[in-house]
C-alpha atoms as a PDB file:
ATOM      1  CA  MET A   1      -0.049  -0.176   0.208  1.00  0.00           C
ATOM      2  CA  ASN A   2       1.425   3.485  -0.444  1.00  0.00           C
ATOM      3  CA  GLY A   3       0.093   5.333   2.209  1.00  0.00           C
ATOM      4  CA  LYS A   4      -3.372   6.416   1.201  1.00  0.00           C
ATOM      5  CA  ARG A   5      -6.265   5.110   3.229  1.00  0.00           C
ATOM      6  CA  PRO A   6      -8.640   3.253   0.659  1.00  0.00           C
ATOM      7  CA  TYR A   7     -11.874   4.803   0.378  1.00  0.00           C
ATOM      8  CA  MET A   8     -14.612   2.053  -0.627  1.00  0.00           C
ATOM      9  CA  ASP A   9     -18.190   3.091  -2.564  1.00  0.00           C
ATOM     10  CA  TYR A  10     -21.321   2.014  -1.446  1.00  0.00           C
ATOM     11  CA  GLN A  11     -21.048  -1.371  -3.225  1.00  0.00           C
ATOM     12  CA  GLN A  12     -17.820  -2.073  -1.692  1.00  0.00           C
ATOM     13  CA  HIS A  13     -19.007  -1.131   1.844  1.00  0.00           C
ATOM     14  CA  ARG A  14     -21.828  -3.463   1.754  1.00  0.00           C
ATOM     15  CA  ALA A  15     -19.618  -6.384   0.471  1.00  0.00           C
ATOM     16  CA  ALA A  16     -17.353  -5.527   3.493  1.00  0.00           C
ATOM     17  CA  ARG A  17     -20.404  -5.317   5.868  1.00  0.00           C
ATOM     18  CA  ARG A  18     -21.113  -9.079   4.320  1.00  0.00           C
ATOM     19  CA  LEU A  19     -17.792 -10.501   5.086  1.00  0.00           C
ATOM     20  CA  VAL A  20     -17.139  -9.304   8.589  1.00  0.00           C
ATOM     21  CA  HIS A  21     -19.582 -12.005   9.825  1.00  0.00           C
ATOM     22  CA  GLU A  22     -16.274 -14.075   8.983  1.00  0.00           C
ATOM     23  CA  CYS A  23     -14.046 -12.800  11.043  1.00  0.00           C
ATOM     24  CA  CYS A  24     -13.643 -14.668  14.240  1.00  0.00           C
ATOM     25  CA  ASN A  25     -13.364 -10.973  16.297  1.00  0.00           C
ATOM     26  CA  TYR A  26     -16.810 -10.504  15.448  1.00  0.00           C
ATOM     27  CA  ASP A  27     -19.211 -10.892  18.168  1.00  0.00           C
ATOM     28  CA  ASN A  28     -22.905  -9.183  17.185  1.00  0.00           C
ATOM     29  CA  GLY A  29     -21.989  -6.633  15.878  1.00  0.00           C
ATOM     30  CA  ASN A  30     -18.496  -5.373  17.997  1.00  0.00           C
ATOM     31  CA  CYS A  31     -15.082  -6.544  17.768  1.00  0.00           C
ATOM     32  CA  ILE A  32     -13.161  -8.632  20.420  1.00  0.00           C
ATOM     33  CA  LEU A  33      -9.861  -7.414  19.622  1.00  0.00           C
ATOM     34  CA  LEU A  34     -10.915  -3.730  20.685  1.00  0.00           C
ATOM     35  CA  ASP A  35     -13.055  -4.289  23.633  1.00  0.00           C
ATOM     36  CA  ASN A  36     -11.558  -3.153  26.811  1.00  0.00           C
ATOM     37  CA  GLY A  37     -14.120  -3.652  28.840  1.00  0.00           C
ATOM     38  CA  GLU A  38     -16.620  -2.059  27.346  1.00  0.00           C
ATOM     39  CA  PRO A  39     -17.957  -3.211  23.621  1.00  0.00           C
ATOM     40  CA  CYS A  40     -16.985  -1.755  20.306  1.00  0.00           C
ATOM     41  CA  VAL A  41     -17.901  -1.514  17.160  1.00  0.00           C
ATOM     42  CA  CYS A  42     -16.821  -3.485  14.428  1.00  0.00           C
ATOM     43  CA  VAL A  43     -15.248  -0.434  12.531  1.00  0.00           C
ATOM     44  CA  GLN A  44     -15.637  -2.391   9.037  1.00  0.00           C
ATOM     45  CA  SER A  45     -19.600  -2.175   9.472  1.00  0.00           C
ATOM     46  CA  ILE A  46     -19.481   1.664  10.209  1.00  0.00           C
ATOM     47  CA  SER A  47     -16.625   2.922   7.996  1.00  0.00           C
ATOM     48  CA  TYR A  48     -15.883   3.168   4.081  1.00  0.00           C
ATOM     49  CA  SER A  49     -12.396   4.109   4.481  1.00  0.00           C
ATOM     50  CA  LEU A  50     -11.020   2.113   8.243  1.00  0.00           C
ATOM     51  CA  ILE A  51      -9.804  -1.034   7.680  1.00  0.00           C
ATOM     52  CA  CYS A  52      -8.613  -3.470  10.290  1.00  0.00           C
ATOM     53  CA  ARG A  53      -5.013  -5.597  10.048  1.00  0.00           C
ATOM     54  CA  TRP A  54      -6.733  -8.901  11.342  1.00  0.00           C
ATOM     55  CA  PHE A  55      -9.928  -7.788   8.322  1.00  0.00           C
ATOM     56  CA  ARG A  56      -7.264  -7.292   5.969  1.00  0.00           C
ATOM     57  CA  ILE A  57      -5.004 -10.239   6.438  1.00  0.00           C
ATOM     58  CA  ALA A  58      -7.569 -12.965   7.688  1.00  0.00           C
ATOM     59  CA  VAL A  59     -11.042 -11.921   5.693  1.00  0.00           C
ATOM     60  CA  LEU A  60     -10.424  -9.743   2.943  1.00  0.00           C
ATOM     61  CA  PRO A  61      -8.900 -12.590   0.681  1.00  0.00           C
ATOM     62  CA  LEU A  62     -12.081 -14.195   1.029  1.00  0.00           C
ATOM     63  CA  ASP A  63     -13.098 -11.690  -1.712  1.00  0.00           C
ATOM     64  CA  GLY A  64     -10.365 -11.243  -4.087  1.00  0.00           C
ATOM     65  CA  LYS A  65     -12.451  -8.436  -6.298  1.00  0.00           C
ATOM     66  CA  LEU A  66     -12.859  -6.641  -3.054  1.00  0.00           C
ATOM     67  CA  GLU A  67      -9.108  -7.098  -1.723  1.00  0.00           C
ATOM     68  CA  ALA A  68      -7.687  -6.321  -5.507  1.00  0.00           C
ATOM     69  CA  ALA A  69     -10.153  -3.602  -5.642  1.00  0.00           C
ATOM     70  CA  LEU A  70      -8.948  -1.752  -2.539  1.00  0.00           C
ATOM     71  CA  PHE A  71      -5.549  -2.516  -2.551  1.00  0.00           C
ATOM     72  CA  HIS A  72      -3.827  -3.429  -5.495  1.00  0.00           C
ATOM     73  CA  ARG A  73      -5.004  -1.048  -7.417  1.00  0.00           C
ATOM     74  CA  ALA A  74      -1.503  -0.233  -9.342  1.00  0.00           C
ATOM     75  CA  ASP A  75      -1.886  -3.982 -10.379  1.00  0.00           C
ATOM     76  CA  ARG A  76      -4.834  -5.017 -11.154  1.00  0.00           C
ATOM     77  CA  LYS A  77      -6.778  -5.459 -14.465  1.00  0.00           C
ATOM     78  CA  ARG A  78      -9.816  -4.930 -16.079  1.00  0.00           C
ATOM     79  CA  CYS A  79     -11.473  -8.010 -17.140  1.00  0.00           C
ATOM     80  CA  THR A  80     -12.568  -6.925 -21.318  1.00  0.00           C
ATOM     81  CA  GLU A  81     -15.636  -9.217 -21.259  1.00  0.00           C
ATOM     82  CA  CYS A  82     -17.346  -8.407 -17.421  1.00  0.00           C
ATOM     83  CA  GLY A  83     -15.403  -5.492 -16.444  1.00  0.00           C
ATOM     84  CA  GLY A  84     -14.983  -6.074 -13.271  1.00  0.00           C
ATOM     85  CA  TYR A  85     -11.250  -6.177 -11.651  1.00  0.00           C
ATOM     86  CA  PHE A  86      -9.172  -8.939 -10.607  1.00  0.00           C
ATOM     87  CA  LEU A  87      -4.946  -9.066 -10.220  1.00  0.00           C
ATOM     88  CA  PRO A  88      -3.259 -11.469 -12.882  1.00  0.00           C
ATOM     89  CA  LYS A  89      -1.645 -14.382 -11.714  1.00  0.00           C
ATOM     90  CA  SER A  90       1.519 -13.452 -11.719  1.00  0.00           C
ATOM     91  CA  ILE A  91       0.957 -10.894  -9.051  1.00  0.00           C
ATOM     92  CA  LEU A  92      -0.821 -13.421  -7.104  1.00  0.00           C
ATOM     93  CA  HIS A  93       2.027 -15.418  -6.957  1.00  0.00           C
ATOM     94  CA  TYR A  94       4.243 -12.775  -6.149  1.00  0.00           C
ATOM     95  CA  TYR A  95       2.145 -12.312  -3.000  1.00  0.00           C
ATOM     96  CA  ASP A  96       1.953 -15.629  -1.991  1.00  0.00           C
ATOM     97  CA  MET A  97       5.957 -16.108  -1.605  1.00  0.00           C
END
């Protein structure tokens, strides 16, 4: 990432809100990691630009399109048939190393 915080549009935010239920730290709208005695709302469920490290590393890869759109803007390519974004296999191989 180049130091700029990604900003989600409405569709991306909705996708992230659906994904947040897959996070092991998500508990009825709250984040267990941020809980310091009082419940703390999960940032992915309320923000268009804040993405916690755990969500980025462990949950976001479940939706490759969303991850590519948010974090690999320079590397992503646009499909000529459907218009969606994707990461080339050569880039994915680089990140697997």
